[in-house]
PDB file of N, CA and C in Angstrom:
ATOM      1  N   MET A   1       5.838 -15.030 -12.114  1.00  0.00           N
ATOM      2  CA  MET A   1       6.344 -13.878 -12.814  1.00  0.00           C
ATOM      3  C   MET A   1       7.406 -13.199 -11.970  1.00  0.00           C
ATOM      4  N   GLN A   2       8.575 -13.720 -11.980  1.00  0.00           N
ATOM      5  CA  GLN A   2       9.641 -13.208 -11.154  1.00  0.00           C
ATOM      6  C   GLN A   2      10.125 -11.847 -11.620  1.00  0.00           C
ATOM      7  N   GLY A   3       9.973 -11.515 -12.872  1.00  0.00           N
ATOM      8  CA  GLY A   3      10.496 -10.278 -13.414  1.00  0.00           C
ATOM      9  C   GLY A   3       9.934  -9.026 -12.782  1.00  0.00           C
ATOM     10  N   PHE A   4       8.809  -9.100 -12.086  1.00  0.00           N
ATOM     11  CA  PHE A   4       8.188  -7.924 -11.529  1.00  0.00           C
ATOM     12  C   PHE A   4       8.747  -7.536 -10.171  1.00  0.00           C
ATOM     13  N   LYS A   5       9.428  -8.432  -9.469  1.00  0.00           N
ATOM     14  CA  LYS A   5       9.815  -8.164  -8.089  1.00  0.00           C
ATOM     15  C   LYS A   5      11.084  -7.361  -7.963  1.00  0.00           C
ATOM     16  N   GLY A   6      11.102  -6.503  -6.941  1.00  0.00           N
ATOM     17  CA  GLY A   6      12.267  -5.926  -6.362  1.00  0.00           C
ATOM     18  C   GLY A   6      13.139  -4.983  -7.162  1.00  0.00           C
ATOM     19  N   SER A   7      12.684  -4.359  -8.196  1.00  0.00           N
ATOM     20  CA  SER A   7      13.539  -3.415  -8.892  1.00  0.00           C
ATOM     21  C   SER A   7      13.112  -2.000  -8.537  1.00  0.00           C
ATOM     22  N   GLN A   8      14.101  -1.160  -8.236  1.00  0.00           N
ATOM     23  CA  GLN A   8      13.779   0.225  -7.928  1.00  0.00           C
ATOM     24  C   GLN A   8      14.645   1.116  -8.791  1.00  0.00           C
ATOM     25  N   SER A   9      14.039   2.131  -9.372  1.00  0.00           N
ATOM     26  CA  SER A   9      14.784   3.021 -10.236  1.00  0.00           C
ATOM     27  C   SER A   9      15.333   4.186  -9.432  1.00  0.00           C
ATOM     28  N   ALA A  10      16.188   4.964 -10.074  1.00  0.00           N
ATOM     29  CA  ALA A  10      16.767   6.142  -9.426  1.00  0.00           C
ATOM     30  C   ALA A  10      15.694   7.183  -9.126  1.00  0.00           C
ATOM     31  N   ALA A  11      14.589   7.151  -9.856  1.00  0.00           N
ATOM     32  CA  ALA A  11      13.521   8.124  -9.639  1.00  0.00           C
ATOM     33  C   ALA A  11      12.673   7.776  -8.429  1.00  0.00           C
ATOM     34  N   GLY A  12      12.981   6.663  -7.747  1.00  0.00           N
ATOM     35  CA  GLY A  12      12.238   6.304  -6.550  1.00  0.00           C
ATOM     36  C   GLY A  12      10.888   5.682  -6.841  1.00  0.00           C
ATOM     37  N   GLU A  13      10.761   5.025  -7.982  1.00  0.00           N
ATOM     38  CA  GLU A  13       9.498   4.388  -8.321  1.00  0.00           C
ATOM     39  C   GLU A  13       9.255   3.192  -7.420  1.00  0.00           C
ATOM     40  N   ARG A  14       8.104   2.652  -7.517  1.00  0.00           N
ATOM     41  CA  ARG A  14       7.688   1.506  -6.725  1.00  0.00           C
ATOM     42  C   ARG A  14       8.725   0.387  -6.794  1.00  0.00           C
ATOM     43  N   ALA A  15       9.041  -0.188  -5.666  1.00  0.00           N
ATOM     44  CA  ALA A  15      10.140  -1.147  -5.568  1.00  0.00           C
ATOM     45  C   ALA A  15       9.749  -2.570  -5.914  1.00  0.00           C
ATOM     46  N   GLY A  16       8.594  -2.805  -6.445  1.00  0.00           N
ATOM     47  CA  GLY A  16       8.140  -4.168  -6.708  1.00  0.00           C
ATOM     48  C   GLY A  16       6.958  -4.468  -5.817  1.00  0.00           C
ATOM     49  N   TYR A  17       6.594  -5.710  -5.736  1.00  0.00           N
ATOM     50  CA  TYR A  17       5.432  -6.029  -4.910  1.00  0.00           C
ATOM     51  C   TYR A  17       5.703  -7.277  -4.115  1.00  0.00           C
ATOM     52  N   GLY A  18       5.079  -7.324  -2.961  1.00  0.00           N
ATOM     53  CA  GLY A  18       5.096  -8.523  -2.145  1.00  0.00           C
ATOM     54  C   GLY A  18       3.714  -9.127  -2.171  1.00  0.00           C
ATOM     55  N   GLN A  19       3.516 -10.197  -1.460  1.00  0.00           N
ATOM     56  CA  GLN A  19       2.213 -10.852  -1.487  1.00  0.00           C
ATOM     57  C   GLN A  19       1.114  -9.946  -0.956  1.00  0.00           C
ATOM     58  N   GLU A  20       1.419  -9.138   0.034  1.00  0.00           N
ATOM     59  CA  GLU A  20       0.386  -8.299   0.634  1.00  0.00           C
ATOM     60  C   GLU A  20       0.031  -7.123  -0.263  1.00  0.00           C
ATOM     61  N   GLU A  21       1.015  -6.588  -0.984  1.00  0.00           N
ATOM     62  CA  GLU A  21       0.773  -5.403  -1.793  1.00  0.00           C
ATOM     63  C   GLU A  21       0.046  -5.724  -3.090  1.00  0.00           C
ATOM     64  N   GLY A  22       0.416  -6.797  -3.752  1.00  0.00           N
ATOM     65  CA  GLY A  22      -0.189  -7.153  -5.023  1.00  0.00           C
ATOM     66  C   GLY A  22       0.483  -6.434  -6.180  1.00  0.00           C
ATOM     67  N   LEU A  23      -0.009  -6.693  -7.343  1.00  0.00           N
ATOM     68  CA  LEU A  23       0.521  -6.119  -8.573  1.00  0.00           C
ATOM     69  C   LEU A  23      -0.370  -4.972  -8.990  1.00  0.00           C
ATOM     70  N   ILE A  24       0.227  -3.834  -9.310  1.00  0.00           N
ATOM     71  CA  ILE A  24      -0.562  -2.694  -9.775  1.00  0.00           C
ATOM     72  C   ILE A  24      -0.183  -2.368 -11.214  1.00  0.00           C
ATOM     73  N   LYS A  25      -0.970  -1.499 -11.821  1.00  0.00           N
ATOM     74  CA  LYS A  25      -0.756  -1.153 -13.221  1.00  0.00           C
ATOM     75  C   LYS A  25       0.654  -0.604 -13.460  1.00  0.00           C
ATOM     76  N   LEU A  26       1.186   0.169 -12.519  1.00  0.00           N
ATOM     77  CA  LEU A  26       2.524   0.725 -12.657  1.00  0.00           C
ATOM     78  C   LEU A  26       3.578  -0.374 -12.777  1.00  0.00           C
ATOM     79  N   ASP A  27       3.386  -1.475 -12.056  1.00  0.00           N
ATOM     80  CA  ASP A  27       4.315  -2.604 -12.163  1.00  0.00           C
ATOM     81  C   ASP A  27       4.308  -3.184 -13.576  1.00  0.00           C
ATOM     82  N   ILE A  28       3.143  -3.275 -14.163  1.00  0.00           N
ATOM     83  CA  ILE A  28       3.027  -3.809 -15.528  1.00  0.00           C
ATOM     84  C   ILE A  28       3.697  -2.854 -16.511  1.00  0.00           C
ATOM     85  N   ILE A  29       3.451  -1.571 -16.352  1.00  0.00           N
ATOM     86  CA  ILE A  29       4.067  -0.565 -17.225  1.00  0.00           C
ATOM     87  C   ILE A  29       5.586  -0.634 -17.123  1.00  0.00           C
ATOM     88  N   ASN A  30       6.106  -0.708 -15.897  1.00  0.00           N
ATOM     89  CA  ASN A  30       7.558  -0.788 -15.709  1.00  0.00           C
ATOM     90  C   ASN A  30       8.140  -2.056 -16.331  1.00  0.00           C
ATOM     91  N   GLU A  31       7.422  -3.149 -16.247  1.00  0.00           N
ATOM     92  CA  GLU A  31       7.898  -4.398 -16.845  1.00  0.00           C
ATOM     93  C   GLU A  31       7.930  -4.298 -18.370  1.00  0.00           C
ATOM     94  N   VAL A  32       6.932  -3.644 -18.956  1.00  0.00           N
ATOM     95  CA  VAL A  32       6.927  -3.430 -20.410  1.00  0.00           C
ATOM     96  C   VAL A  32       8.135  -2.586 -20.807  1.00  0.00           C
ATOM     97  N   VAL A  33       8.416  -1.534 -20.041  1.00  0.00           N
ATOM     98  CA  VAL A  33       9.579  -0.685 -20.323  1.00  0.00           C
ATOM     99  C   VAL A  33      10.863  -1.504 -20.236  1.00  0.00           C
ATOM    100  N   ASN A  34      11.008  -2.312 -19.179  1.00  0.00           N
ATOM    101  CA  ASN A  34      12.220  -3.103 -18.988  1.00  0.00           C
ATOM    102  C   ASN A  34      12.411  -4.162 -20.066  1.00  0.00           C
ATOM    103  N   LYS A  35      11.330  -4.793 -20.493  1.00  0.00           N
ATOM    104  CA  LYS A  35      11.438  -5.880 -21.479  1.00  0.00           C
ATOM    105  C   LYS A  35      11.606  -5.375 -22.914  1.00  0.00           C
ATOM    106  N   THR A  36      11.002  -4.215 -23.222  1.00  0.00           N
ATOM    107  CA  THR A  36      10.992  -3.763 -24.609  1.00  0.00           C
ATOM    108  C   THR A  36      11.935  -2.602 -24.889  1.00  0.00           C
ATOM    109  N   GLY A  37      12.243  -1.822 -23.858  1.00  0.00           N
ATOM    110  CA  GLY A  37      13.106  -0.663 -24.060  1.00  0.00           C
ATOM    111  C   GLY A  37      12.372   0.558 -24.597  1.00  0.00           C
ATOM    112  N   ILE A  38      11.048   0.495 -24.708  1.00  0.00           N
ATOM    113  CA  ILE A  38      10.304   1.672 -25.173  1.00  0.00           C
ATOM    114  C   ILE A  38      10.186   2.666 -24.021  1.00  0.00           C
ATOM    115  N   THR A  39       9.780   3.868 -24.340  1.00  0.00           N
ATOM    116  CA  THR A  39       9.665   4.893 -23.300  1.00  0.00           C
ATOM    117  C   THR A  39       8.508   4.566 -22.361  1.00  0.00           C
ATOM    118  N   LYS A  40       8.591   5.122 -21.171  1.00  0.00           N
ATOM    119  CA  LYS A  40       7.553   4.871 -20.181  1.00  0.00           C
ATOM    120  C   LYS A  40       6.202   5.411 -20.661  1.00  0.00           C
ATOM    121  N   THR A  41       6.216   6.545 -21.352  1.00  0.00           N
ATOM    122  CA  THR A  41       4.974   7.131 -21.857  1.00  0.00           C
ATOM    123  C   THR A  41       4.298   6.198 -22.854  1.00  0.00           C
ATOM    124  N   LYS A  42       5.093   5.644 -23.772  1.00  0.00           N
ATOM    125  CA  LYS A  42       4.534   4.724 -24.764  1.00  0.00           C
ATOM    126  C   LYS A  42       4.064   3.427 -24.113  1.00  0.00           C
ATOM    127  N   ALA A  43       4.808   2.942 -23.131  1.00  0.00           N
ATOM    128  CA  ALA A  43       4.403   1.722 -22.427  1.00  0.00           C
ATOM    129  C   ALA A  43       3.092   1.954 -21.686  1.00  0.00           C
ATOM    130  N   GLU A  44       2.969   3.127 -21.063  1.00  0.00           N
ATOM    131  CA  GLU A  44       1.736   3.461 -20.349  1.00  0.00           C
ATOM    132  C   GLU A  44       0.559   3.517 -21.310  1.00  0.00           C
ATOM    133  N   MET A  45       0.774   4.106 -22.500  1.00  0.00           N
ATOM    134  CA  MET A  45      -0.279   4.161 -23.514  1.00  0.00           C
ATOM    135  C   MET A  45      -0.675   2.764 -23.964  1.00  0.00           C
ATOM    136  N   ALA A  46       0.304   1.896 -24.157  1.00  0.00           N
ATOM    137  CA  ALA A  46       0.034   0.529 -24.616  1.00  0.00           C
ATOM    138  C   ALA A  46      -0.770  -0.246 -23.574  1.00  0.00           C
ATOM    139  N   VAL A  47      -0.345  -0.178 -22.319  1.00  0.00           N
ATOM    140  CA  VAL A  47      -1.050  -0.894 -21.254  1.00  0.00           C
ATOM    141  C   VAL A  47      -2.467  -0.340 -21.096  1.00  0.00           C
ATOM    142  N   GLU A  48      -2.589   0.975 -21.124  1.00  0.00           N
ATOM    143  CA  GLU A  48      -3.909   1.608 -20.992  1.00  0.00           C
ATOM    144  C   GLU A  48      -4.816   1.201 -22.151  1.00  0.00           C
ATOM    145  N   THR A  49      -4.268   1.109 -23.357  1.00  0.00           N
ATOM    146  CA  THR A  49      -5.044   0.702 -24.530  1.00  0.00           C
ATOM    147  C   THR A  49      -5.553  -0.729 -24.384  1.00  0.00           C
ATOM    148  N   VAL A  50      -4.702  -1.611 -23.880  1.00  0.00           N
ATOM    149  CA  VAL A  50      -5.117  -3.003 -23.666  1.00  0.00           C
ATOM    150  C   VAL A  50      -6.286  -3.055 -22.680  1.00  0.00           C
ATOM    151  N   PHE A  51      -6.152  -2.351 -21.547  1.00  0.00           N
ATOM    152  CA  PHE A  51      -7.210  -2.384 -20.540  1.00  0.00           C
ATOM    153  C   PHE A  51      -8.501  -1.744 -21.045  1.00  0.00           C
ATOM    154  N   GLU A  52      -8.388  -0.644 -21.797  1.00  0.00           N
ATOM    155  CA  GLU A  52      -9.584  -0.005 -22.350  1.00  0.00           C
ATOM    156  C   GLU A  52     -10.285  -0.926 -23.348  1.00  0.00           C
ATOM    157  N   SER A  53      -9.503  -1.632 -24.164  1.00  0.00           N
ATOM    158  CA  SER A  53     -10.083  -2.577 -25.124  1.00  0.00           C
ATOM    159  C   SER A  53     -10.825  -3.691 -24.392  1.00  0.00           C
ATOM    160  N   MET A  54     -10.239  -4.172 -23.301  1.00  0.00           N
ATOM    161  CA  MET A  54     -10.891  -5.230 -22.518  1.00  0.00           C
ATOM    162  C   MET A  54     -12.190  -4.717 -21.885  1.00  0.00           C
ATOM    163  N   LYS A  55     -12.154  -3.499 -21.346  1.00  0.00           N
ATOM    164  CA  LYS A  55     -13.365  -2.914 -20.739  1.00  0.00           C
ATOM    165  C   LYS A  55     -14.482  -2.793 -21.765  1.00  0.00           C
ATOM    166  N   LYS A  56     -14.138  -2.269 -22.960  1.00  0.00           N
ATOM    167  CA  LYS A  56     -15.146  -2.102 -24.010  1.00  0.00           C
ATOM    168  C   LYS A  56     -15.750  -3.438 -24.410  1.00  0.00           C
ATOM    169  N   ALA A  57     -14.912  -4.445 -24.565  1.00  0.00           N
ATOM    170  CA  ALA A  57     -15.404  -5.773 -24.955  1.00  0.00           C
ATOM    171  C   ALA A  57     -16.355  -6.318 -23.888  1.00  0.00           C
ATOM    172  N   LEU A  58     -15.991  -6.180 -22.630  1.00  0.00           N
ATOM    173  CA  LEU A  58     -16.853  -6.684 -21.552  1.00  0.00           C
ATOM    174  C   LEU A  58     -18.148  -5.888 -21.457  1.00  0.00           C
ATOM    175  N   GLU A  59     -18.088  -4.577 -21.692  1.00  0.00           N
ATOM    176  CA  GLU A  59     -19.304  -3.760 -21.694  1.00  0.00           C
ATOM    177  C   GLU A  59     -20.277  -4.234 -22.769  1.00  0.00           C
ATOM    178  N   HIS A  60     -19.750  -4.728 -23.883  1.00  0.00           N
ATOM    179  CA  HIS A  60     -20.596  -5.224 -24.971  1.00  0.00           C
ATOM    180  C   HIS A  60     -21.007  -6.678 -24.754  1.00  0.00           C
ATOM    181  N   GLY A  61     -20.555  -7.260 -23.649  1.00  0.00           N
ATOM    182  CA  GLY A  61     -20.908  -8.649 -23.364  1.00  0.00           C
ATOM    183  C   GLY A  61     -20.042  -9.665 -24.078  1.00  0.00           C
ATOM    184  N   ASP A  62     -18.943  -9.208 -24.660  1.00  0.00           N
ATOM    185  CA  ASP A  62     -18.051 -10.108 -25.384  1.00  0.00           C
ATOM    186  C   ASP A  62     -17.194 -10.932 -24.422  1.00  0.00           C
ATOM    187  N   ARG A  63     -16.756 -12.063 -24.897  1.00  0.00           N
ATOM    188  CA  ARG A  63     -15.875 -12.965 -24.149  1.00  0.00           C
ATOM    189  C   ARG A  63     -14.439 -12.634 -24.541  1.00  0.00           C
ATOM    190  N   ILE A  64     -13.534 -12.583 -23.562  1.00  0.00           N
ATOM    191  CA  ILE A  64     -12.125 -12.303 -23.829  1.00  0.00           C
ATOM    192  C   ILE A  64     -11.326 -13.550 -23.482  1.00  0.00           C
ATOM    193  N   GLU A  65     -10.675 -14.127 -24.476  1.00  0.00           N
ATOM    194  CA  GLU A  65      -9.875 -15.328 -24.251  1.00  0.00           C
ATOM    195  C   GLU A  65      -8.405 -14.993 -24.459  1.00  0.00           C
ATOM    196  N   LEU A  66      -7.617 -15.164 -23.403  1.00  0.00           N
ATOM    197  CA  LEU A  66      -6.177 -14.946 -23.471  1.00  0.00           C
ATOM    198  C   LEU A  66      -5.520 -16.306 -23.268  1.00  0.00           C
ATOM    199  N   ARG A  67      -5.128 -16.931 -24.360  1.00  0.00           N
ATOM    200  CA  ARG A  67      -4.583 -18.297 -24.282  1.00  0.00           C
ATOM    201  C   ARG A  67      -3.393 -18.362 -23.349  1.00  0.00           C
ATOM    202  N   GLY A  68      -3.392 -19.378 -22.522  1.00  0.00           N
ATOM    203  CA  GLY A  68      -2.339 -19.549 -21.540  1.00  0.00           C
ATOM    204  C   GLY A  68      -2.570 -18.747 -20.267  1.00  0.00           C
ATOM    205  N   PHE A  69      -3.591 -17.887 -20.278  1.00  0.00           N
ATOM    206  CA  PHE A  69      -3.874 -17.067 -19.104  1.00  0.00           C
ATOM    207  C   PHE A  69      -5.259 -17.375 -18.558  1.00  0.00           C
ATOM    208  N   GLY A  70      -6.286 -17.158 -19.382  1.00  0.00           N
ATOM    209  CA  GLY A  70      -7.633 -17.452 -18.932  1.00  0.00           C
ATOM    210  C   GLY A  70      -8.680 -16.765 -19.795  1.00  0.00           C
ATOM    211  N   VAL A  71      -9.934 -16.841 -19.324  1.00  0.00           N
ATOM    212  CA  VAL A  71     -11.064 -16.304 -20.062  1.00  0.00           C
ATOM    213  C   VAL A  71     -11.874 -15.381 -19.150  1.00  0.00           C
ATOM    214  N   PHE A  72     -12.177 -14.185 -19.655  1.00  0.00           N
ATOM    215  CA  PHE A  72     -13.066 -13.250 -18.972  1.00  0.00           C
ATOM    216  C   PHE A  72     -14.400 -13.286 -19.702  1.00  0.00           C
ATOM    217  N   ASN A  73     -15.500 -13.308 -18.963  1.00  0.00           N
ATOM    218  CA  ASN A  73     -16.802 -13.178 -19.595  1.00  0.00           C
ATOM    219  C   ASN A  73     -17.767 -12.496 -18.636  1.00  0.00           C
ATOM    220  N   VAL A  74     -18.891 -12.052 -19.183  1.00  0.00           N
ATOM    221  CA  VAL A  74     -19.903 -11.355 -18.397  1.00  0.00           C
ATOM    222  C   VAL A  74     -21.085 -12.291 -18.236  1.00  0.00           C
ATOM    223  N   LYS A  75     -21.502 -12.478 -16.988  1.00  0.00           N
ATOM    224  CA  LYS A  75     -22.647 -13.333 -16.716  1.00  0.00           C
ATOM    225  C   LYS A  75     -23.736 -12.519 -16.031  1.00  0.00           C
ATOM    226  N   PRO A  76     -24.992 -12.818 -16.357  1.00  0.00           N
ATOM    227  CA  PRO A  76     -26.082 -12.101 -15.686  1.00  0.00           C
ATOM    228  C   PRO A  76     -26.175 -12.512 -14.215  1.00  0.00           C
ATOM    229  N   ARG A  77     -26.539 -11.567 -13.393  1.00  0.00           N
ATOM    230  CA  ARG A  77     -26.720 -11.835 -11.972  1.00  0.00           C
ATOM    231  C   ARG A  77     -28.215 -11.759 -11.689  1.00  0.00           C
ATOM    232  N   LYS A  78     -28.719 -12.751 -10.996  1.00  0.00           N
ATOM    233  CA  LYS A  78     -30.153 -12.839 -10.735  1.00  0.00           C
ATOM    234  C   LYS A  78     -30.625 -11.793  -9.728  1.00  0.00           C
ATOM    235  N   THR A  79     -31.912 -11.522  -9.804  1.00  0.00           N
ATOM    236  CA  THR A  79     -32.549 -10.695  -8.785  1.00  0.00           C
ATOM    237  C   THR A  79     -32.557 -11.498  -7.499  1.00  0.00           C
ATOM    238  N   GLY A  80     -32.369 -10.828  -6.402  1.00  0.00           N
ATOM    239  CA  GLY A  80     -32.351 -11.559  -5.141  1.00  0.00           C
ATOM    240  C   GLY A  80     -32.943 -10.743  -4.015  1.00  0.00           C
ATOM    241  N   ILE A  81     -33.019 -11.375  -2.874  1.00  0.00           N
ATOM    242  CA  ILE A  81     -33.496 -10.692  -1.683  1.00  0.00           C
ATOM    243  C   ILE A  81     -32.411 -10.820  -0.630  1.00  0.00           C
ATOM    244  N   GLY A  82     -31.992  -9.676  -0.124  1.00  0.00           N
ATOM    245  CA  GLY A  82     -30.974  -9.652   0.919  1.00  0.00           C
ATOM    246  C   GLY A  82     -31.562  -9.056   2.181  1.00  0.00           C
ATOM    247  N   ARG A  83     -30.735  -8.936   3.182  1.00  0.00           N
ATOM    248  CA  ARG A  83     -31.180  -8.342   4.445  1.00  0.00           C
ATOM    249  C   ARG A  83     -30.255  -7.208   4.840  1.00  0.00           C
ATOM    250  N   ASN A  84     -30.860  -6.150   5.364  1.00  0.00           N
ATOM    251  CA  ASN A  84     -30.093  -5.060   5.936  1.00  0.00           C
ATOM    252  C   ASN A  84     -29.539  -5.575   7.262  1.00  0.00           C
ATOM    253  N   PRO A  85     -28.215  -5.614   7.432  1.00  0.00           N
ATOM    254  CA  PRO A  85     -27.661  -6.186   8.652  1.00  0.00           C
ATOM    255  C   PRO A  85     -28.013  -5.415   9.923  1.00  0.00           C
ATOM    256  N   ARG A  86     -28.297  -4.143   9.815  1.00  0.00           N
ATOM    257  CA  ARG A  86     -28.643  -3.348  11.003  1.00  0.00           C
ATOM    258  C   ARG A  86     -30.084  -3.555  11.447  1.00  0.00           C
ATOM    259  N   THR A  87     -30.982  -3.527  10.464  1.00  0.00           N
ATOM    260  CA  THR A  87     -32.406  -3.592  10.823  1.00  0.00           C
ATOM    261  C   THR A  87     -33.009  -4.971  10.633  1.00  0.00           C
ATOM    262  N   GLY A  88     -32.373  -5.788   9.815  1.00  0.00           N
ATOM    263  CA  GLY A  88     -32.932  -7.107   9.525  1.00  0.00           C
ATOM    264  C   GLY A  88     -34.020  -7.059   8.465  1.00  0.00           C
ATOM    265  N   ALA A  89     -34.292  -5.865   7.936  1.00  0.00           N
ATOM    266  CA  ALA A  89     -35.342  -5.715   6.928  1.00  0.00           C
ATOM    267  C   ALA A  89     -34.881  -6.314   5.602  1.00  0.00           C
ATOM    268  N   GLU A  90     -35.822  -6.910   4.872  1.00  0.00           N
ATOM    269  CA  GLU A  90     -35.515  -7.472   3.562  1.00  0.00           C
ATOM    270  C   GLU A  90     -35.292  -6.358   2.561  1.00  0.00           C
ATOM    271  N   VAL A  91     -34.320  -6.557   1.691  1.00  0.00           N
ATOM    272  CA  VAL A  91     -33.976  -5.579   0.676  1.00  0.00           C
ATOM    273  C   VAL A  91     -33.920  -6.297  -0.665  1.00  0.00           C
ATOM    274  N   SER A  92     -34.550  -5.697  -1.667  1.00  0.00           N
ATOM    275  CA  SER A  92     -34.535  -6.282  -3.006  1.00  0.00           C
ATOM    276  C   SER A  92     -33.198  -5.961  -3.678  1.00  0.00           C
ATOM    277  N   ILE A  93     -32.546  -6.976  -4.225  1.00  0.00           N
ATOM    278  CA  ILE A  93     -31.287  -6.794  -4.943  1.00  0.00           C
ATOM    279  C   ILE A  93     -31.603  -6.874  -6.430  1.00  0.00           C
ATOM    280  N   PRO A  94     -31.379  -5.790  -7.172  1.00  0.00           N
ATOM    281  CA  PRO A  94     -31.732  -5.769  -8.594  1.00  0.00           C
ATOM    282  C   PRO A  94     -30.832  -6.682  -9.420  1.00  0.00           C
ATOM    283  N   PRO A  95     -31.341  -7.132 -10.571  1.00  0.00           N
ATOM    284  CA  PRO A  95     -30.495  -7.950 -11.450  1.00  0.00           C
ATOM    285  C   PRO A  95     -29.365  -7.102 -12.017  1.00  0.00           C
ATOM    286  N   GLY A  96     -28.299  -7.738 -12.380  1.00  0.00           N
ATOM    287  CA  GLY A  96     -27.168  -7.011 -12.936  1.00  0.00           C
ATOM    288  C   GLY A  96     -26.285  -7.944 -13.717  1.00  0.00           C
ATOM    289  N   LYS A  97     -25.071  -7.496 -13.926  1.00  0.00           N
ATOM    290  CA  LYS A  97     -24.088  -8.301 -14.651  1.00  0.00           C
ATOM    291  C   LYS A  97     -22.816  -8.347 -13.820  1.00  0.00           C
ATOM    292  N   ALA A  98     -22.109  -9.462 -13.893  1.00  0.00           N
ATOM    293  CA  ALA A  98     -20.861  -9.622 -13.163  1.00  0.00           C
ATOM    294  C   ALA A  98     -19.800 -10.185 -14.091  1.00  0.00           C
ATOM    295  N   VAL A  99     -18.593  -9.659 -13.974  1.00  0.00           N
ATOM    296  CA  VAL A  99     -17.476 -10.165 -14.767  1.00  0.00           C
ATOM    297  C   VAL A  99     -16.905 -11.378 -14.048  1.00  0.00           C
ATOM    298  N   ARG A 100     -16.709 -12.437 -14.785  1.00  0.00           N
ATOM    299  CA  ARG A 100     -16.147 -13.675 -14.240  1.00  0.00           C
ATOM    300  C   ARG A 100     -14.836 -13.973 -14.954  1.00  0.00           C
ATOM    301  N   PHE A 101     -13.927 -14.598 -14.225  1.00  0.00           N
ATOM    302  CA  PHE A 101     -12.645 -14.993 -14.796  1.00  0.00           C
ATOM    303  C   PHE A 101     -12.426 -16.461 -14.522  1.00  0.00           C
ATOM    304  N   LYS A 102     -12.091 -17.195 -15.577  1.00  0.00           N
ATOM    305  CA  LYS A 102     -11.765 -18.606 -15.438  1.00  0.00           C
ATOM    306  C   LYS A 102     -10.305 -18.766 -15.838  1.00  0.00           C
ATOM    307  N   PRO A 103      -9.447 -19.114 -14.899  1.00  0.00           N
ATOM    308  CA  PRO A 103      -8.020 -19.233 -15.230  1.00  0.00           C
ATOM    309  C   PRO A 103      -7.747 -20.378 -16.201  1.00  0.00           C
ATOM    310  N   GLY A 104      -6.736 -20.189 -17.046  1.00  0.00           N
ATOM    311  CA  GLY A 104      -6.310 -21.226 -17.964  1.00  0.00           C
ATOM    312  C   GLY A 104      -5.523 -22.295 -17.243  1.00  0.00           C
ATOM    313  N   LYS A 105      -5.187 -23.350 -17.945  1.00  0.00           N
ATOM    314  CA  LYS A 105      -4.475 -24.484 -17.351  1.00  0.00           C
ATOM    315  C   LYS A 105      -3.142 -24.070 -16.712  1.00  0.00           C
ATOM    316  N   GLU A 106      -2.422 -23.184 -17.385  1.00  0.00           N
ATOM    317  CA  GLU A 106      -1.126 -22.761 -16.863  1.00  0.00           C
ATOM    318  C   GLU A 106      -1.259 -22.030 -15.525  1.00  0.00           C
ATOM    319  N   LEU A 107      -2.305 -21.233 -15.371  1.00  0.00           N
ATOM    320  CA  LEU A 107      -2.515 -20.527 -14.105  1.00  0.00           C
ATOM    321  C   LEU A 107      -3.012 -21.468 -13.020  1.00  0.00           C
ATOM    322  N   GLN A 108      -3.783 -22.462 -13.398  1.00  0.00           N
ATOM    323  CA  GLN A 108      -4.330 -23.388 -12.413  1.00  0.00           C
ATOM    324  C   GLN A 108      -3.229 -24.245 -11.790  1.00  0.00           C
ATOM    325  N   THR A 109      -2.124 -24.411 -12.494  1.00  0.00           N
ATOM    326  CA  THR A 109      -1.060 -25.275 -11.975  1.00  0.00           C
ATOM    327  C   THR A 109       0.067 -24.488 -11.312  1.00  0.00           C
ATOM    328  N   LEU A 110      -0.150 -23.208 -11.022  1.00  0.00           N
ATOM    329  CA  LEU A 110       0.872 -22.406 -10.330  1.00  0.00           C
ATOM    330  C   LEU A 110       1.130 -22.952  -8.937  1.00  0.00           C
ATOM    331  N   GLN A 111       2.365 -22.859  -8.531  1.00  0.00           N
ATOM    332  CA  GLN A 111       2.712 -23.327  -7.180  1.00  0.00           C
ATOM    333  C   GLN A 111       3.303 -22.216  -6.369  1.00  0.00           C
TER     334      GLN A 111
END
């Protein structure tokens, strides 16, 4: 995704991202503004709506499939026994849920 790197606006917004910094939500919002020409406020609302929809779906245990990107799903996490690193005492780890992501073919072949 080359379109996200190295652009800085007159307002002094984030200049893009390098490998160490990573991609943040603001980068996605700025890219939506640049590609579509809509206002930053509307782009922010659109991006926020997408993320909120994804959160709600995962909270309900739904699977999210984004073709060409990958699949998000929620898997149960087993009860376990861990150790307190300071004392060495055994600690019970309660069962829970974890979000998993499986990249699509296009992401798996990135170089």
